[in-house]
């Protein structure tokens, strides 16, 4: 609402008739303020000369009255301006926020894409994007060095189970670009029973997805932690491995007969990924969070609407060596982009169930609703 300063006409007229026009004359710029005061003073003195006087008061008297009227007018105008505010409201200060991205993968780069398209600025947000491993990102949130972080399952869930009150407030992915590759002759489904599956970490995303593949077939697999699951599969040390989708072609070429047993990019709800923050900070900065989510939603739309710009932003952020890999990374992330940033409660429960199956006792019975807060996205998106 536009603020205006108002001087009551009756009160100003009692003090000096110049006041009734001083503000409007200076606002319009049609007459200089001293000229208005001088002219009004002449009329005032002429109309109020003493009875029987042959002429109006002298110019000396007029100068005195003029100065008095000008002083009173300036004082009243200043007081009114201070009380009511200026005619033009100052624009709101931009939202300053630090966002930590925890992996240099295409699906985590929505903040980078949003920044590259200048969409944070258009929504009044100044975003500083940094890259840190998940554990360091959570430390940065706790220490106030960052306000928000991009985390994929199970990092946010594990943090909550360990006592860090993080909440997912916006989610744009619900599956990972990972595949389960089997050795030559290895079948999927029930044939995976008791098979050794190489994973990066048993309670990491690859370990949980290996358990998911077994659970889908009603069998139990045996995740085996290995720093390079693909190499373990090529060397014949395991029966299968969970590897990035980008590694599929190389494994098929180096190990003829190796085949994809499960494409986890199609397992919707198996790996929620999005924006998290500490609950205390989120509650204290609701308006800022809403502004950030609005900007990210514009970035989500731009992600698919501007393939060339998005691909360029992803290549720079992920530090990919060539256009071919950038094109693959973009296509994969765009295909898995959700139609809404509102967090998915069912996906949180899936992750908790898999963590419990992986032996994390705290996950059993933990309320999935404590892992997210969809009210920020609802406010931002009008839901």
Protein backbone atom coordinates (compact mmCIF):
# COMPACT_ATOMS: atom_id res chain seq x y z
CA UNK A 1 0.00 0.00 0.00
CA UNK A 2 1.37 3.43 -0.94
CA UNK A 3 2.03 5.61 2.10
CA UNK A 4 1.19 9.29 1.92
CA UNK A 5 1.69 12.18 4.34
CA UNK A 6 -1.40 14.13 5.25
CA UNK A 7 -1.55 17.51 7.04
CA UNK A 8 -5.07 18.31 8.36
CA UNK A 9 -6.36 21.36 6.46
CA UNK A 10 -8.13 22.96 9.41
CA UNK A 11 -5.11 22.83 11.70
CA UNK A 12 -2.75 24.18 9.07
CA UNK A 13 -5.08 27.06 8.22
CA UNK A 14 -5.13 28.14 11.84
CA UNK A 15 -1.36 28.44 11.87
CA UNK A 16 -0.76 29.97 8.48
CA UNK A 17 -2.67 29.84 5.19
CA UNK A 18 0.54 28.88 3.38
CA UNK A 19 0.36 25.45 4.99
CA UNK A 20 -2.79 24.52 3.12
CA UNK A 21 -0.89 24.60 -0.17
CA UNK A 22 2.72 24.10 0.85
CA UNK A 23 2.71 20.31 0.52
CA UNK A 24 0.73 20.12 -2.71
CA UNK A 25 2.78 22.89 -4.32
CA UNK A 26 6.12 21.30 -3.53
CA UNK A 27 4.88 17.84 -4.58
CA UNK A 28 3.62 19.09 -7.94
CA UNK A 29 6.68 21.16 -8.65
CA UNK A 30 4.59 23.93 -10.25
CA UNK A 31 5.80 26.64 -7.86
CA UNK A 32 8.86 26.93 -5.67
CA UNK A 33 8.07 26.61 -1.98
CA UNK A 34 9.40 30.11 -0.97
CA UNK A 35 7.29 31.72 -3.70
CA UNK A 36 4.17 30.03 -2.40
CA UNK A 37 4.88 31.13 1.16
CA UNK A 38 5.62 34.72 0.06
CA UNK A 39 2.44 35.00 -2.03
CA UNK A 40 0.26 33.53 0.68
CA UNK A 41 1.87 35.78 3.27
CA UNK A 42 1.02 38.87 1.22
CA UNK A 43 -2.61 37.82 1.00
CA UNK A 44 -2.69 36.97 4.70
CA UNK A 45 -1.25 40.32 5.80
CA UNK A 46 -3.43 42.31 3.41
CA UNK A 47 -6.56 40.59 4.68
CA UNK A 48 -5.56 41.08 8.30
CA UNK A 49 -4.25 44.68 8.41
CA UNK A 50 -5.32 46.64 11.50
CA UNK A 51 -8.63 48.56 11.31
CA UNK A 52 -8.14 52.11 9.95
CA UNK A 53 -4.69 51.36 8.57
CA UNK A 54 -4.12 53.08 5.26
CA UNK A 55 -2.12 50.24 3.81
CA UNK A 56 -1.00 46.72 4.47
CA UNK A 57 1.95 46.05 6.78
CA UNK A 58 5.38 46.90 5.42
CA UNK A 59 7.64 44.47 3.60
CA UNK A 60 9.67 44.13 6.79
CA UNK A 61 6.60 42.82 8.59
CA UNK A 62 5.85 40.62 5.61
CA UNK A 63 9.37 39.19 5.64
CA UNK A 64 9.01 38.28 9.30
CA UNK A 65 5.64 36.63 8.78
CA UNK A 66 6.95 34.85 5.70
CA UNK A 67 9.81 33.41 7.67
CA UNK A 68 7.49 32.34 10.46
CA UNK A 69 5.08 30.70 8.03
CA UNK A 70 7.90 28.92 6.22
CA UNK A 71 9.34 27.61 9.48
CA UNK A 72 5.96 26.35 10.70
CA UNK A 73 5.18 24.80 7.30
CA UNK A 74 8.49 22.98 7.20
CA UNK A 75 8.08 21.71 10.76
CA UNK A 76 4.56 20.42 10.20
CA UNK A 77 5.47 18.83 6.87
CA UNK A 78 8.49 17.11 8.42
CA UNK A 79 6.39 15.81 11.30
CA UNK A 80 3.72 14.52 8.96
CA UNK A 81 6.30 12.80 6.78
CA UNK A 82 7.90 11.14 9.80
CA UNK A 83 4.53 9.98 11.09
CA UNK A 84 3.10 8.70 7.83
CA UNK A 85 6.17 7.70 5.85
CA UNK A 86 7.45 8.88 2.52
CA UNK A 87 5.40 8.87 -0.64
CA UNK A 88 7.62 6.14 -2.13
CA UNK A 89 8.18 2.98 -0.09
CA UNK A 90 11.71 1.55 -0.14
CA UNK A 91 11.92 -1.82 -1.93
CA UNK A 92 12.24 -4.82 0.40
CA UNK A 93 15.75 -5.95 1.19
CA UNK A 94 16.82 -9.03 -0.79
CA UNK A 95 16.82 -12.39 0.97
CA UNK A 96 20.39 -13.50 1.72
CA UNK A 97 20.77 -17.27 1.93
CA UNK A 98 23.60 -19.79 1.75
CA UNK A 99 22.80 -23.10 0.02
CA UNK A 100 25.15 -26.09 0.27
CA UNK A 101 25.03 -28.68 -2.52
CA UNK A 102 26.37 -32.05 -1.39
CA UNK A 103 27.06 -33.91 -4.65
CA UNK A 104 28.30 -32.85 -8.06
CA UNK A 105 25.55 -34.77 -9.83
CA UNK A 106 23.01 -33.36 -12.27
CA UNK A 107 20.01 -34.09 -10.07
CA UNK A 108 21.38 -31.85 -7.27
CA UNK A 109 21.95 -28.85 -9.52
CA UNK A 110 18.51 -27.19 -9.40
CA UNK A 111 19.97 -24.28 -7.35
CA UNK A 112 22.78 -23.83 -9.91
CA UNK A 113 20.31 -23.90 -12.80
CA UNK A 114 18.06 -21.42 -10.98
CA UNK A 115 21.01 -19.08 -10.41
CA UNK A 116 22.24 -19.37 -14.00
CA UNK A 117 18.80 -18.36 -15.28
CA UNK A 118 18.81 -15.33 -12.92
CA UNK A 119 15.67 -16.65 -11.23
CA UNK A 120 16.87 -16.18 -7.65
CA UNK A 121 17.37 -12.47 -8.35
CA UNK A 122 13.93 -12.17 -9.92
CA UNK A 123 12.41 -13.48 -6.69
CA UNK A 124 14.42 -11.17 -4.42
CA UNK A 125 16.92 -13.80 -3.32
CA UNK A 126 20.70 -13.51 -3.16
CA UNK A 127 21.87 -17.13 -3.03
CA UNK A 128 25.43 -18.19 -2.30
CA UNK A 129 25.98 -21.76 -3.51
CA UNK A 130 28.83 -23.87 -2.16
CA UNK A 131 29.75 -27.56 -2.44
CA UNK A 132 30.48 -29.71 0.61
CA UNK A 133 30.15 -33.41 1.49
CA UNK A 134 26.92 -34.27 3.37
CA UNK A 135 28.52 -34.46 6.82
CA UNK A 136 30.23 -31.08 6.36
CA UNK A 137 27.02 -29.58 4.99
CA UNK A 138 25.13 -30.59 8.11
CA UNK A 139 27.88 -29.09 10.26
CA UNK A 140 27.59 -25.85 8.27
CA UNK A 141 23.85 -25.76 8.99
CA UNK A 142 24.38 -26.32 12.70
CA UNK A 143 27.07 -23.63 12.89
CA UNK A 144 25.04 -21.11 10.87
CA UNK A 145 27.56 -20.95 8.01
CA UNK A 146 24.79 -22.05 5.65
CA UNK A 147 21.03 -21.96 5.97
CA UNK A 148 19.86 -24.62 3.51
CA UNK A 149 21.34 -27.75 1.94
CA UNK A 150 20.57 -30.09 -0.94
CA UNK A 151 20.52 -33.64 0.39
CA UNK A 152 19.41 -36.94 -1.07
CA UNK A 153 18.33 -39.99 0.87
CA UNK A 154 19.51 -41.40 3.16
CA UNK A 155 21.73 -38.51 4.35
CA UNK A 156 18.91 -36.28 5.64
CA UNK A 157 17.11 -39.23 7.24
CA UNK A 158 20.27 -40.49 8.93
CA UNK A 159 20.91 -37.01 10.32
CA UNK A 160 17.41 -36.84 11.77
CA UNK A 161 17.77 -40.30 13.30
CA UNK A 162 21.03 -39.12 14.91
CA UNK A 163 19.24 -36.18 16.53
CA UNK A 164 19.75 -33.30 14.07
CA UNK A 165 16.28 -31.76 13.51
CA UNK A 166 16.41 -31.30 9.73
CA UNK A 167 13.27 -30.94 7.63
CA UNK A 168 12.83 -31.45 3.91
CA UNK A 169 10.95 -28.40 2.60
CA UNK A 170 11.19 -28.88 -1.17
CA UNK A 171 11.70 -32.06 -3.22
CA UNK A 172 12.40 -32.23 -6.95
CA UNK A 173 13.69 -35.81 -7.39
CA UNK A 174 12.38 -39.11 -6.06
CA UNK A 175 14.65 -41.64 -7.78
CA UNK A 176 18.37 -42.02 -8.45
CA UNK A 177 20.22 -42.50 -11.72
CA UNK A 178 21.58 -45.86 -10.58
CA UNK A 179 21.26 -49.36 -12.02
CA UNK A 180 21.76 -52.87 -10.70
CA UNK A 181 24.13 -54.61 -13.11
CA UNK A 182 24.45 -58.40 -13.00
CA UNK A 183 27.41 -60.53 -14.09
CA UNK A 184 27.01 -62.61 -17.23
CA UNK A 185 24.36 -65.24 -16.61
CA UNK A 186 22.99 -63.60 -13.47
CA UNK A 187 19.21 -63.19 -13.58
CA UNK A 188 17.17 -60.73 -11.59
CA UNK A 189 14.13 -61.21 -9.41
CA UNK A 190 14.15 -64.30 -7.21
CA UNK A 191 17.52 -65.34 -8.66
CA UNK A 192 19.09 -62.58 -6.56
CA UNK A 193 18.51 -64.52 -3.36
CA UNK A 194 21.67 -64.47 -1.23
CA UNK A 195 23.67 -62.98 -4.09
CA UNK A 196 26.60 -60.70 -3.32
CA UNK A 197 25.91 -57.17 -4.51
CA UNK A 198 28.70 -54.58 -4.51
CA UNK A 199 27.64 -51.20 -3.09
CA UNK A 200 29.41 -48.03 -2.05
CA UNK A 201 28.16 -48.26 1.56
CA UNK A 202 25.69 -50.64 3.14
CA UNK A 203 23.61 -47.83 4.64
CA UNK A 204 24.24 -45.44 1.77
CA UNK A 205 21.97 -44.97 -1.21
CA UNK A 206 23.51 -47.85 -3.18
CA UNK A 207 23.21 -50.24 -0.24
CA UNK A 208 19.57 -49.32 0.36
CA UNK A 209 18.71 -49.74 -3.32
CA UNK A 210 20.30 -53.19 -3.34
CA UNK A 211 18.00 -54.11 -0.45
CA UNK A 212 15.06 -52.60 -2.36
CA UNK A 213 15.80 -54.85 -5.37
CA UNK A 214 15.70 -57.88 -3.13
CA UNK A 215 12.59 -56.75 -1.29
CA UNK A 216 10.74 -56.21 -4.57
CA UNK A 217 11.41 -59.86 -5.41
CA UNK A 218 10.77 -61.18 -1.92
CA UNK A 219 14.39 -62.22 -1.35
CA UNK A 220 17.33 -61.05 0.70
CA UNK A 221 20.50 -59.93 -1.05
CA UNK A 222 23.94 -59.55 0.52
CA UNK A 223 25.29 -56.01 0.08
CA UNK A 224 29.08 -55.87 0.07
CA UNK A 225 30.74 -52.49 0.61
CA UNK A 226 33.35 -51.72 -2.04
CA UNK A 227 34.97 -48.39 -2.97
CA UNK A 228 34.47 -49.22 -6.68
CA UNK A 229 31.43 -51.48 -7.20
CA UNK A 230 31.88 -51.44 -10.99
CA UNK A 231 35.46 -52.70 -10.70
CA UNK A 232 34.30 -55.44 -8.32
CA UNK A 233 31.78 -56.59 -10.94
CA UNK A 234 34.34 -56.53 -13.77
CA UNK A 235 36.77 -58.55 -11.65
CA UNK A 236 34.13 -61.19 -10.88
CA UNK A 237 34.28 -60.66 -7.10
CA UNK A 238 30.50 -60.18 -6.84
CA UNK A 239 27.34 -61.32 -8.60
CA UNK A 240 25.97 -57.82 -9.16
CA UNK A 241 26.73 -54.18 -8.46
CA UNK A 242 24.83 -50.92 -8.03
CA UNK A 243 26.50 -48.38 -10.33
CA UNK A 244 25.68 -45.01 -11.93
CA UNK A 245 23.62 -45.16 -15.10
CA UNK A 246 26.46 -43.44 -16.94
CA UNK A 247 28.70 -46.47 -16.21
CA UNK A 248 26.30 -48.94 -17.81
CA UNK A 249 27.70 -48.84 -21.34
CA UNK A 250 31.28 -49.22 -20.13
CA UNK A 251 30.44 -52.27 -18.03
CA UNK A 252 28.52 -53.89 -20.85
CA UNK A 253 31.52 -53.37 -23.13
CA UNK A 254 34.17 -54.55 -20.66
CA UNK A 255 32.19 -57.53 -19.35
CA UNK A 256 30.26 -59.03 -22.27
CA UNK A 257 27.06 -60.59 -21.06
CA UNK A 258 26.65 -58.20 -18.12
CA UNK A 259 23.11 -56.83 -18.04
CA UNK A 260 20.89 -54.40 -16.18
CA UNK A 261 18.73 -56.24 -13.64
CA UNK A 262 16.99 -53.16 -12.21
CA UNK A 263 16.90 -49.54 -13.35
CA UNK A 264 16.40 -47.57 -10.16
CA UNK A 265 15.59 -44.39 -12.10
CA UNK A 266 12.17 -46.04 -12.58
CA UNK A 267 11.78 -46.81 -8.87
CA UNK A 268 9.76 -43.72 -7.99
CA UNK A 269 9.85 -42.81 -4.32
CA UNK A 270 13.03 -44.77 -3.63
CA UNK A 271 15.34 -41.78 -3.22
CA UNK A 272 13.80 -38.42 -2.27
CA UNK A 273 16.15 -35.49 -2.90
CA UNK A 274 15.66 -31.81 -2.26
CA UNK A 275 16.16 -28.83 0.02
CA UNK A 276 16.54 -29.23 3.77
CA UNK A 277 17.15 -26.91 6.71
CA UNK A 278 17.26 -26.97 10.48
CA UNK A 279 13.74 -26.76 11.87
CA UNK A 280 14.58 -23.85 14.20
CA UNK A 281 16.00 -21.71 11.39
CA UNK A 282 13.15 -22.57 9.05
CA UNK A 283 10.53 -21.51 11.59
CA UNK A 284 12.29 -18.22 12.25
CA UNK A 285 12.66 -17.40 8.53
CA UNK A 286 9.46 -18.62 6.90
CA UNK A 287 9.19 -15.73 4.42
CA UNK A 288 12.78 -16.24 3.25
CA UNK A 289 12.24 -19.99 2.78
CA UNK A 290 9.05 -19.34 0.80
CA UNK A 291 10.93 -16.93 -1.49
CA UNK A 292 13.67 -19.49 -2.10
CA UNK A 293 11.14 -22.20 -2.95
CA UNK A 294 9.35 -19.89 -5.38
CA UNK A 295 12.65 -19.23 -7.14
CA UNK A 296 13.46 -22.95 -7.24
CA UNK A 297 10.04 -23.72 -8.70
CA UNK A 298 10.75 -21.25 -11.49
CA UNK A 299 14.07 -23.05 -11.93
CA UNK A 300 12.25 -26.38 -12.10
CA UNK A 301 10.16 -25.10 -14.99
CA UNK A 302 13.23 -23.63 -16.69
CA UNK A 303 15.03 -26.96 -16.28
CA UNK A 304 12.96 -28.53 -19.03
CA UNK A 305 11.92 -25.38 -20.89
CA UNK A 306 15.52 -24.31 -21.59
CA UNK A 307 17.50 -27.50 -22.35
CA UNK A 308 20.54 -25.69 -23.75
CA UNK A 309 20.88 -23.28 -20.84
CA UNK A 310 20.26 -26.00 -18.27
CA UNK A 311 22.76 -28.36 -19.87
CA UNK A 312 25.40 -25.64 -19.87
CA UNK A 313 24.76 -24.88 -16.19
CA UNK A 314 24.94 -28.58 -15.29
CA UNK A 315 28.18 -29.10 -17.20
CA UNK A 316 29.80 -26.18 -15.38
CA UNK A 317 28.50 -27.17 -11.93
CA UNK A 318 29.23 -30.89 -12.20
CA UNK A 319 32.53 -30.24 -14.02
CA UNK A 320 31.80 -32.74 -16.79
CA UNK A 321 34.57 -33.19 -19.38
CA UNK A 322 32.51 -33.10 -22.58
CA UNK A 323 29.15 -32.28 -24.13
CA UNK A 324 28.17 -35.94 -24.48
CA UNK A 325 28.30 -36.56 -20.74
CA UNK A 326 26.55 -33.24 -20.09
CA UNK A 327 23.77 -34.23 -22.50
CA UNK A 328 23.32 -37.59 -20.75
CA UNK A 329 23.35 -36.04 -17.29
CA UNK A 330 20.80 -33.42 -18.30
CA UNK A 331 18.47 -35.92 -19.98
CA UNK A 332 18.56 -38.23 -16.98
CA UNK A 333 17.88 -35.49 -14.43
CA UNK A 334 15.14 -33.91 -16.57
CA UNK A 335 13.39 -37.28 -16.98
CA UNK A 336 13.28 -37.72 -13.19
CA UNK A 337 12.22 -34.15 -12.37
CA UNK A 338 9.04 -34.17 -10.32
CA UNK A 339 6.00 -32.14 -11.25
CA UNK A 340 5.87 -30.44 -7.84
CA UNK A 341 8.28 -29.36 -5.13
CA UNK A 342 5.94 -30.48 -2.34
CA UNK A 343 7.76 -33.21 -0.34
CA UNK A 344 6.48 -36.80 -0.58
CA UNK A 345 5.70 -38.42 2.77
CA UNK A 346 5.50 -41.94 1.33
CA UNK A 347 9.05 -41.66 -0.01
CA UNK A 348 10.31 -40.78 3.46
CA UNK A 349 8.66 -43.89 4.87
CA UNK A 350 10.28 -46.04 2.16
CA UNK A 351 13.72 -44.76 3.16
CA UNK A 352 13.04 -45.40 6.85
CA UNK A 353 11.92 -48.96 6.09
CA UNK A 354 15.10 -49.63 4.08
CA UNK A 355 17.30 -48.16 6.81
CA UNK A 356 15.60 -50.43 9.34
CA UNK A 357 16.22 -53.38 7.02
CA UNK A 358 19.88 -52.33 6.81
CA UNK A 359 20.14 -52.64 10.58
CA UNK A 360 19.59 -49.05 11.74
CA UNK A 361 17.35 -49.71 14.73
CA UNK A 362 16.39 -46.04 15.25
CA UNK A 363 14.58 -46.05 11.90
CA UNK A 364 12.08 -48.65 13.04
CA UNK A 365 8.98 -46.72 14.15
CA UNK A 366 10.47 -43.27 13.54
CA UNK A 367 7.66 -40.92 12.39
CA UNK A 368 8.14 -40.14 8.69
CA UNK A 369 6.27 -36.86 9.23
CA UNK A 370 9.16 -35.63 11.38
CA UNK A 371 11.43 -35.70 8.33
CA UNK A 372 9.62 -33.04 6.32
CA UNK A 373 7.46 -29.93 6.49
CA UNK A 374 5.37 -29.36 3.38
CA UNK A 375 3.80 -26.12 4.64
CA UNK A 376 6.59 -23.98 3.15
CA UNK A 377 6.07 -25.37 -0.34
CA UNK A 378 2.32 -25.02 0.12
CA UNK A 379 2.73 -21.33 0.98
CA UNK A 380 5.16 -20.78 -1.89
CA UNK A 381 3.13 -22.59 -4.53
CA UNK A 382 -0.36 -21.72 -3.37
CA UNK A 383 -1.23 -25.27 -2.39
